[in-house]
Amino acid sequence: MSLLKNSSYILTLLSLFGFLLTWQRSAFSLFFLIPIFLTLFWEFFLFLKLRKNIIKEATLIKGSLFYRISMGDFYLYIFSFFL
């Protein structure tokens, strides 16, 4: 997984340099932007997935602040269902 992640970062950097070098000379330079946007989308998706797991774990802990604010289990089960 780490090797795949590093290779995607290298591909993103190469595509950024490719776009910067060819954006005035070629109409196909926009294809270099696709890996950049895919990498940004993937990083944002991983961040949201991590955030979801943290919220789910906090709702399972009975002494957490979120549990005390919601006053019991019922709201937590509804909230964690939509995560």
PDB file of N, CA and C in Angstrom:
ATOM      1  N   MET A   1       0.827  -1.193   0.000  1.00  0.00           N
ATOM      2  CA  MET A   1       0.000   0.000   0.000  1.00  0.00           C
ATOM      3  C   MET A   1       0.866   1.248   0.000  1.00  0.00           C
ATOM      4  N   SER A   2       1.931   1.223   0.754  1.00  0.00           N
ATOM      5  CA  SER A   2       2.795   2.395   0.829  1.00  0.00           C
ATOM      6  C   SER A   2       3.488   2.646  -0.507  1.00  0.00           C
ATOM      7  N   LEU A   3       3.898   1.563  -1.174  1.00  0.00           N
ATOM      8  CA  LEU A   3       4.547   1.714  -2.476  1.00  0.00           C
ATOM      9  C   LEU A   3       3.572   2.281  -3.498  1.00  0.00           C
ATOM     10  N   LEU A   4       2.327   1.840  -3.433  1.00  0.00           N
ATOM     11  CA  LEU A   4       1.308   2.365  -4.341  1.00  0.00           C
ATOM     12  C   LEU A   4       1.041   3.836  -4.063  1.00  0.00           C
ATOM     13  N   LYS A   5       1.014   4.204  -2.788  1.00  0.00           N
ATOM     14  CA  LYS A   5       0.777   5.595  -2.428  1.00  0.00           C
ATOM     15  C   LYS A   5       1.931   6.475  -2.891  1.00  0.00           C
ATOM     16  N   ASN A   6       3.170   6.007  -2.695  1.00  0.00           N
ATOM     17  CA  ASN A   6       4.328   6.783  -3.132  1.00  0.00           C
ATOM     18  C   ASN A   6       4.366   6.915  -4.647  1.00  0.00           C
ATOM     19  N   SER A   7       4.013   5.854  -5.351  1.00  0.00           N
ATOM     20  CA  SER A   7       4.027   5.938  -6.812  1.00  0.00           C
ATOM     21  C   SER A   7       2.933   6.874  -7.319  1.00  0.00           C
ATOM     22  N   SER A   8       1.810   6.957  -6.606  1.00  0.00           N
ATOM     23  CA  SER A   8       0.775   7.902  -7.032  1.00  0.00           C
ATOM     24  C   SER A   8       1.230   9.337  -6.802  1.00  0.00           C
ATOM     25  N   TYR A   9       1.992   9.572  -5.732  1.00  0.00           N
ATOM     26  CA  TYR A   9       2.527  10.917  -5.507  1.00  0.00           C
ATOM     27  C   TYR A   9       3.553  11.285  -6.575  1.00  0.00           C
ATOM     28  N   ILE A  10       4.382  10.326  -6.962  1.00  0.00           N
ATOM     29  CA  ILE A  10       5.371  10.584  -8.011  1.00  0.00           C
ATOM     30  C   ILE A  10       4.669  10.848  -9.337  1.00  0.00           C
ATOM     31  N   LEU A  11       3.637  10.061  -9.635  1.00  0.00           N
ATOM     32  CA  LEU A  11       2.863  10.280 -10.859  1.00  0.00           C
ATOM     33  C   LEU A  11       2.193  11.655 -10.845  1.00  0.00           C
ATOM     34  N   THR A  12       1.719  12.072  -9.685  1.00  0.00           N
ATOM     35  CA  THR A  12       1.093  13.386  -9.572  1.00  0.00           C
ATOM     36  C   THR A  12       2.097  14.502  -9.805  1.00  0.00           C
ATOM     37  N   LEU A  13       3.279  14.370  -9.220  1.00  0.00           N
ATOM     38  CA  LEU A  13       4.308  15.389  -9.440  1.00  0.00           C
ATOM     39  C   LEU A  13       4.751  15.437 -10.899  1.00  0.00           C
ATOM     40  N   LEU A  14       4.924  14.269 -11.504  1.00  0.00           N
ATOM     41  CA  LEU A  14       5.312  14.240 -12.914  1.00  0.00           C
ATOM     42  C   LEU A  14       4.228  14.834 -13.812  1.00  0.00           C
ATOM     43  N   SER A  15       2.978  14.559 -13.488  1.00  0.00           N
ATOM     44  CA  SER A  15       1.905  15.126 -14.301  1.00  0.00           C
ATOM     45  C   SER A  15       1.795  16.636 -14.094  1.00  0.00           C
ATOM     46  N   LEU A  16       2.100  17.109 -12.896  1.00  0.00           N
ATOM     47  CA  LEU A  16       2.112  18.555 -12.667  1.00  0.00           C
ATOM     48  C   LEU A  16       3.206  19.229 -13.491  1.00  0.00           C
ATOM     49  N   PHE A  17       4.400  18.637 -13.483  1.00  0.00           N
ATOM     50  CA  PHE A  17       5.489  19.180 -14.297  1.00  0.00           C
ATOM     51  C   PHE A  17       5.172  19.067 -15.789  1.00  0.00           C
ATOM     52  N   GLY A  18       4.549  17.967 -16.185  1.00  0.00           N
ATOM     53  CA  GLY A  18       4.162  17.811 -17.585  1.00  0.00           C
ATOM     54  C   GLY A  18       3.151  18.856 -18.013  1.00  0.00           C
ATOM     55  N   PHE A  19       2.199  19.145 -17.144  1.00  0.00           N
ATOM     56  CA  PHE A  19       1.216  20.184 -17.469  1.00  0.00           C
ATOM     57  C   PHE A  19       1.877  21.553 -17.556  1.00  0.00           C
ATOM     58  N   LEU A  20       2.760  21.851 -16.595  1.00  0.00           N
ATOM     59  CA  LEU A  20       3.423  23.158 -16.610  1.00  0.00           C
ATOM     60  C   LEU A  20       4.303  23.348 -17.839  1.00  0.00           C
ATOM     61  N   LEU A  21       4.894  22.269 -18.327  1.00  0.00           N
ATOM     62  CA  LEU A  21       5.761  22.382 -19.502  1.00  0.00           C
ATOM     63  C   LEU A  21       4.989  22.455 -20.817  1.00  0.00           C
ATOM     64  N   THR A  22       3.780  21.890 -20.855  1.00  0.00           N
ATOM     65  CA  THR A  22       3.069  21.784 -22.136  1.00  0.00           C
ATOM     66  C   THR A  22       1.769  22.569 -22.204  1.00  0.00           C
ATOM     67  N   TRP A  23       1.424  23.352 -21.226  1.00  0.00           N
ATOM     68  CA  TRP A  23       0.097  23.971 -21.230  1.00  0.00           C
ATOM     69  C   TRP A  23      -0.063  25.044 -22.299  1.00  0.00           C
ATOM     70  N   GLN A  24       1.013  25.622 -22.771  1.00  0.00           N
ATOM     71  CA  GLN A  24       0.890  26.625 -23.825  1.00  0.00           C
ATOM     72  C   GLN A  24       1.083  26.042 -25.225  1.00  0.00           C
ATOM     73  N   ARG A  25       1.647  24.860 -25.315  1.00  0.00           N
ATOM     74  CA  ARG A  25       1.993  24.302 -26.622  1.00  0.00           C
ATOM     75  C   ARG A  25       1.038  23.225 -27.117  1.00  0.00           C
ATOM     76  N   SER A  26       0.282  22.612 -26.223  1.00  0.00           N
ATOM     77  CA  SER A  26      -0.509  21.459 -26.641  1.00  0.00           C
ATOM     78  C   SER A  26      -1.934  21.558 -26.107  1.00  0.00           C
ATOM     79  N   ALA A  27      -2.865  21.087 -26.906  1.00  0.00           N
ATOM     80  CA  ALA A  27      -4.258  21.043 -26.468  1.00  0.00           C
ATOM     81  C   ALA A  27      -4.514  19.842 -25.565  1.00  0.00           C
ATOM     82  N   PHE A  28      -3.607  18.869 -25.595  1.00  0.00           N
ATOM     83  CA  PHE A  28      -3.777  17.663 -24.794  1.00  0.00           C
ATOM     84  C   PHE A  28      -3.127  17.768 -23.421  1.00  0.00           C
ATOM     85  N   SER A  29      -2.658  18.939 -23.067  1.00  0.00           N
ATOM     86  CA  SER A  29      -1.994  19.086 -21.769  1.00  0.00           C
ATOM     87  C   SER A  29      -2.976  18.953 -20.607  1.00  0.00           C
ATOM     88  N   LEU A  30      -4.266  19.098 -20.880  1.00  0.00           N
ATOM     89  CA  LEU A  30      -5.257  18.937 -19.813  1.00  0.00           C
ATOM     90  C   LEU A  30      -5.322  17.505 -19.299  1.00  0.00           C
ATOM     91  N   PHE A  31      -4.862  16.557 -20.101  1.00  0.00           N
ATOM     92  CA  PHE A  31      -4.841  15.171 -19.641  1.00  0.00           C
ATOM     93  C   PHE A  31      -3.854  14.972 -18.492  1.00  0.00           C
ATOM     94  N   PHE A  32      -2.876  15.864 -18.387  1.00  0.00           N
ATOM     95  CA  PHE A  32      -1.944  15.788 -17.266  1.00  0.00           C
ATOM     96  C   PHE A  32      -2.609  16.161 -15.939  1.00  0.00           C
ATOM     97  N   LEU A  33      -3.741  16.839 -15.991  1.00  0.00           N
ATOM     98  CA  LEU A  33      -4.424  17.248 -14.764  1.00  0.00           C
ATOM     99  C   LEU A  33      -5.245  16.128 -14.137  1.00  0.00           C
ATOM    100  N   ILE A  34      -5.561  15.105 -14.885  1.00  0.00           N
ATOM    101  CA  ILE A  34      -6.401  14.016 -14.371  1.00  0.00           C
ATOM    102  C   ILE A  34      -5.771  13.322 -13.164  1.00  0.00           C
ATOM    103  N   PRO A  35      -4.487  12.914 -13.196  1.00  0.00           N
ATOM    104  CA  PRO A  35      -3.918  12.282 -11.994  1.00  0.00           C
ATOM    105  C   PRO A  35      -3.860  13.210 -10.790  1.00  0.00           C
ATOM    106  N   ILE A  36      -3.719  14.508 -11.031  1.00  0.00           N
ATOM    107  CA  ILE A  36      -3.683  15.454  -9.912  1.00  0.00           C
ATOM    108  C   ILE A  36      -5.030  15.477  -9.201  1.00  0.00           C
ATOM    109  N   PHE A  37      -6.105  15.584  -9.962  1.00  0.00           N
ATOM    110  CA  PHE A  37      -7.425  15.615  -9.350  1.00  0.00           C
ATOM    111  C   PHE A  37      -7.801  14.271  -8.726  1.00  0.00           C
ATOM    112  N   LEU A  38      -7.374  13.182  -9.327  1.00  0.00           N
ATOM    113  CA  LEU A  38      -7.648  11.874  -8.731  1.00  0.00           C
ATOM    114  C   LEU A  38      -6.928  11.707  -7.394  1.00  0.00           C
ATOM    115  N   THR A  39      -5.694  12.183  -7.312  1.00  0.00           N
ATOM    116  CA  THR A  39      -4.952  12.096  -6.054  1.00  0.00           C
ATOM    117  C   THR A  39      -5.577  12.977  -4.987  1.00  0.00           C
ATOM    118  N   LEU A  40      -6.000  14.183  -5.358  1.00  0.00           N
ATOM    119  CA  LEU A  40      -6.674  15.051  -4.388  1.00  0.00           C
ATOM    120  C   LEU A  40      -7.982  14.426  -3.909  1.00  0.00           C
ATOM    121  N   PHE A  41      -8.739  13.837  -4.825  1.00  0.00           N
ATOM    122  CA  PHE A  41      -9.980  13.173  -4.448  1.00  0.00           C
ATOM    123  C   PHE A  41      -9.710  12.008  -3.502  1.00  0.00           C
ATOM    124  N   TRP A  42      -8.678  11.218  -3.789  1.00  0.00           N
ATOM    125  CA  TRP A  42      -8.365  10.061  -2.965  1.00  0.00           C
ATOM    126  C   TRP A  42      -7.926  10.484  -1.561  1.00  0.00           C
ATOM    127  N   GLU A  43      -7.104  11.530  -1.457  1.00  0.00           N
ATOM    128  CA  GLU A  43      -6.664  12.015  -0.151  1.00  0.00           C
ATOM    129  C   GLU A  43      -7.842  12.547   0.654  1.00  0.00           C
ATOM    130  N   PHE A  44      -8.743  13.265   0.003  1.00  0.00           N
ATOM    131  CA  PHE A  44      -9.922  13.781   0.689  1.00  0.00           C
ATOM    132  C   PHE A  44     -10.818  12.640   1.148  1.00  0.00           C
ATOM    133  N   PHE A  45     -10.955  11.610   0.319  1.00  0.00           N
ATOM    134  CA  PHE A  45     -11.750  10.445   0.686  1.00  0.00           C
ATOM    135  C   PHE A  45     -11.149   9.724   1.894  1.00  0.00           C
ATOM    136  N   LEU A  46      -9.826   9.559   1.926  1.00  0.00           N
ATOM    137  CA  LEU A  46      -9.181   8.907   3.067  1.00  0.00           C
ATOM    138  C   LEU A  46      -9.340   9.728   4.338  1.00  0.00           C
ATOM    139  N   PHE A  47      -9.275  11.047   4.227  1.00  0.00           N
ATOM    140  CA  PHE A  47      -9.471  11.910   5.389  1.00  0.00           C
ATOM    141  C   PHE A  47     -10.884  11.761   5.941  1.00  0.00           C
ATOM    142  N   LEU A  48     -11.882  11.736   5.060  1.00  0.00           N
ATOM    143  CA  LEU A  48     -13.260  11.573   5.522  1.00  0.00           C
ATOM    144  C   LEU A  48     -13.492  10.197   6.136  1.00  0.00           C
ATOM    145  N   LYS A  49     -12.851   9.174   5.592  1.00  0.00           N
ATOM    146  CA  LYS A  49     -12.980   7.826   6.143  1.00  0.00           C
ATOM    147  C   LYS A  49     -12.361   7.753   7.538  1.00  0.00           C
ATOM    148  N   LEU A  50     -11.206   8.388   7.725  1.00  0.00           N
ATOM    149  CA  LEU A  50     -10.571   8.429   9.037  1.00  0.00           C
ATOM    150  C   LEU A  50     -11.435   9.189  10.032  1.00  0.00           C
ATOM    151  N   ARG A  51     -11.999  10.304   9.596  1.00  0.00           N
ATOM    152  CA  ARG A  51     -12.858  11.096  10.473  1.00  0.00           C
ATOM    153  C   ARG A  51     -14.096  10.306  10.886  1.00  0.00           C
ATOM    154  N   LYS A  52     -14.660   9.558   9.955  1.00  0.00           N
ATOM    155  CA  LYS A  52     -15.828   8.735  10.254  1.00  0.00           C
ATOM    156  C   LYS A  52     -15.492   7.671  11.293  1.00  0.00           C
ATOM    157  N   ASN A  53     -14.327   7.039  11.163  1.00  0.00           N
ATOM    158  CA  ASN A  53     -13.931   6.017  12.130  1.00  0.00           C
ATOM    159  C   ASN A  53     -13.698   6.609  13.508  1.00  0.00           C
ATOM    160  N   ILE A  54     -13.150   7.817  13.575  1.00  0.00           N
ATOM    161  CA  ILE A  54     -12.937   8.466  14.870  1.00  0.00           C
ATOM    162  C   ILE A  54     -14.269   8.792  15.528  1.00  0.00           C
ATOM    163  N   ILE A  55     -15.235   9.289  14.751  1.00  0.00           N
ATOM    164  CA  ILE A  55     -16.550   9.611  15.313  1.00  0.00           C
ATOM    165  C   ILE A  55     -17.260   8.346  15.765  1.00  0.00           C
ATOM    166  N   LYS A  56     -17.154   7.274  14.990  1.00  0.00           N
ATOM    167  CA  LYS A  56     -17.792   6.017  15.398  1.00  0.00           C
ATOM    168  C   LYS A  56     -17.188   5.481  16.689  1.00  0.00           C
ATOM    169  N   GLU A  57     -15.868   5.571  16.811  1.00  0.00           N
ATOM    170  CA  GLU A  57     -15.222   5.080  18.021  1.00  0.00           C
ATOM    171  C   GLU A  57     -15.585   5.939  19.224  1.00  0.00           C
ATOM    172  N   ALA A  58     -15.726   7.241  19.021  1.00  0.00           N
ATOM    173  CA  ALA A  58     -16.101   8.129  20.122  1.00  0.00           C
ATOM    174  C   ALA A  58     -17.534   7.882  20.566  1.00  0.00           C
ATOM    175  N   THR A  59     -18.404   7.477  19.644  1.00  0.00           N
ATOM    176  CA  THR A  59     -19.781   7.207  20.043  1.00  0.00           C
ATOM    177  C   THR A  59     -19.902   5.898  20.802  1.00  0.00           C
ATOM    178  N   LEU A  60     -18.957   4.993  20.602  1.00  0.00           N
ATOM    179  CA  LEU A  60     -19.028   3.715  21.306  1.00  0.00           C
ATOM    180  C   LEU A  60     -18.516   3.814  22.737  1.00  0.00           C
ATOM    181  N   ILE A  61     -17.709   4.821  23.033  1.00  0.00           N
ATOM    182  CA  ILE A  61     -17.180   4.992  24.385  1.00  0.00           C
ATOM    183  C   ILE A  61     -18.240   5.691  25.223  1.00  0.00           C
ATOM    184  N   LYS A  62     -18.660   5.053  26.312  1.00  0.00           N
ATOM    185  CA  LYS A  62     -19.772   5.577  27.100  1.00  0.00           C
ATOM    186  C   LYS A  62     -19.419   6.851  27.856  1.00  0.00           C
ATOM    187  N   GLY A  63     -18.161   7.036  28.198  1.00  0.00           N
ATOM    188  CA  GLY A  63     -17.793   8.225  28.960  1.00  0.00           C
ATOM    189  C   GLY A  63     -17.365   9.395  28.109  1.00  0.00           C
ATOM    190  N   SER A  64     -17.526   9.301  26.807  1.00  0.00           N
ATOM    191  CA  SER A  64     -17.044  10.371  25.937  1.00  0.00           C
ATOM    192  C   SER A  64     -17.974  11.577  26.002  1.00  0.00           C
ATOM    193  N   LEU A  65     -17.462  12.701  25.564  1.00  0.00           N
ATOM    194  CA  LEU A  65     -18.227  13.943  25.586  1.00  0.00           C
ATOM    195  C   LEU A  65     -19.447  13.851  24.675  1.00  0.00           C
ATOM    196  N   PHE A  66     -19.303  13.227  23.532  1.00  0.00           N
ATOM    197  CA  PHE A  66     -20.424  13.102  22.607  1.00  0.00           C
ATOM    198  C   PHE A  66     -21.538  12.255  23.219  1.00  0.00           C
ATOM    199  N   TYR A  67     -21.172  11.230  23.978  1.00  0.00           N
ATOM    200  CA  TYR A  67     -22.179  10.385  24.627  1.00  0.00           C
ATOM    201  C   TYR A  67     -22.931  11.179  25.688  1.00  0.00           C
ATOM    202  N   ARG A  68     -22.201  11.996  26.443  1.00  0.00           N
ATOM    203  CA  ARG A  68     -22.855  12.783  27.491  1.00  0.00           C
ATOM    204  C   ARG A  68     -23.742  13.875  26.907  1.00  0.00           C
ATOM    205  N   ILE A  69     -23.338  14.460  25.788  1.00  0.00           N
ATOM    206  CA  ILE A  69     -24.154  15.509  25.168  1.00  0.00           C
ATOM    207  C   ILE A  69     -25.446  14.929  24.600  1.00  0.00           C
ATOM    208  N   SER A  70     -25.371  13.757  24.016  1.00  0.00           N
ATOM    209  CA  SER A  70     -26.549  13.185  23.371  1.00  0.00           C
ATOM    210  C   SER A  70     -27.495  12.503  24.353  1.00  0.00           C
ATOM    211  N   MET A  71     -27.126  12.391  25.601  1.00  0.00           N
ATOM    212  CA  MET A  71     -27.988  11.866  26.679  1.00  0.00           C
ATOM    213  C   MET A  71     -28.449  10.432  26.435  1.00  0.00           C
ATOM    214  N   GLY A  72     -27.549   9.572  26.070  1.00  0.00           N
ATOM    215  CA  GLY A  72     -27.916   8.174  25.988  1.00  0.00           C
ATOM    216  C   GLY A  72     -27.602   7.513  24.672  1.00  0.00           C
ATOM    217  N   ASP A  73     -28.091   6.283  24.569  1.00  0.00           N
ATOM    218  CA  ASP A  73     -27.736   5.445  23.437  1.00  0.00           C
ATOM    219  C   ASP A  73     -28.591   5.679  22.197  1.00  0.00           C
ATOM    220  N   PHE A  74     -29.814   6.123  22.362  1.00  0.00           N
ATOM    221  CA  PHE A  74     -30.741   6.162  21.238  1.00  0.00           C
ATOM    222  C   PHE A  74     -30.236   7.071  20.119  1.00  0.00           C
ATOM    223  N   TYR A  75     -29.833   8.279  20.467  1.00  0.00           N
ATOM    224  CA  TYR A  75     -29.337   9.205  19.443  1.00  0.00           C
ATOM    225  C   TYR A  75     -28.033   8.720  18.836  1.00  0.00           C
ATOM    226  N   LEU A  76     -27.231   8.047  19.640  1.00  0.00           N
ATOM    227  CA  LEU A  76     -25.958   7.541  19.128  1.00  0.00           C
ATOM    228  C   LEU A  76     -26.165   6.459  18.082  1.00  0.00           C
ATOM    229  N   TYR A  77     -27.125   5.585  18.312  1.00  0.00           N
ATOM    230  CA  TYR A  77     -27.385   4.535  17.331  1.00  0.00           C
ATOM    231  C   TYR A  77     -27.910   5.126  16.021  1.00  0.00           C
ATOM    232  N   ILE A  78     -28.752   6.128  16.121  1.00  0.00           N
ATOM    233  CA  ILE A  78     -29.261   6.783  14.910  1.00  0.00           C
ATOM    234  C   ILE A  78     -28.122   7.491  14.188  1.00  0.00           C
ATOM    235  N   PHE A  79     -27.288   8.205  14.950  1.00  0.00           N
ATOM    236  CA  PHE A  79     -26.183   8.951  14.354  1.00  0.00           C
ATOM    237  C   PHE A  79     -25.159   8.016  13.725  1.00  0.00           C
ATOM    238  N   SER A  80     -24.814   6.929  14.406  1.00  0.00           N
ATOM    239  CA  SER A  80     -23.808   6.016  13.867  1.00  0.00           C
ATOM    240  C   SER A  80     -24.347   5.195  12.695  1.00  0.00           C
ATOM    241  N   PHE A  81     -25.675   5.069  12.582  1.00  0.00           N
ATOM    242  CA  PHE A  81     -26.243   4.360  11.442  1.00  0.00           C
ATOM    243  C   PHE A  81     -25.961   5.100  10.138  1.00  0.00           C
ATOM    244  N   PHE A  82     -26.007   6.425  10.184  1.00  0.00           N
ATOM    245  CA  PHE A  82     -25.788   7.216   8.978  1.00  0.00           C
ATOM    246  C   PHE A  82     -24.321   7.417   8.666  1.00  0.00           C
ATOM    247  N   LEU A  83     -23.427   6.993   9.540  1.00  0.00           N
ATOM    248  CA  LEU A  83     -22.002   7.066   9.240  1.00  0.00           C
ATOM    249  C   LEU A  83     -21.640   5.821   8.514  1.00  0.00           C
TER     250      LEU A  83
END
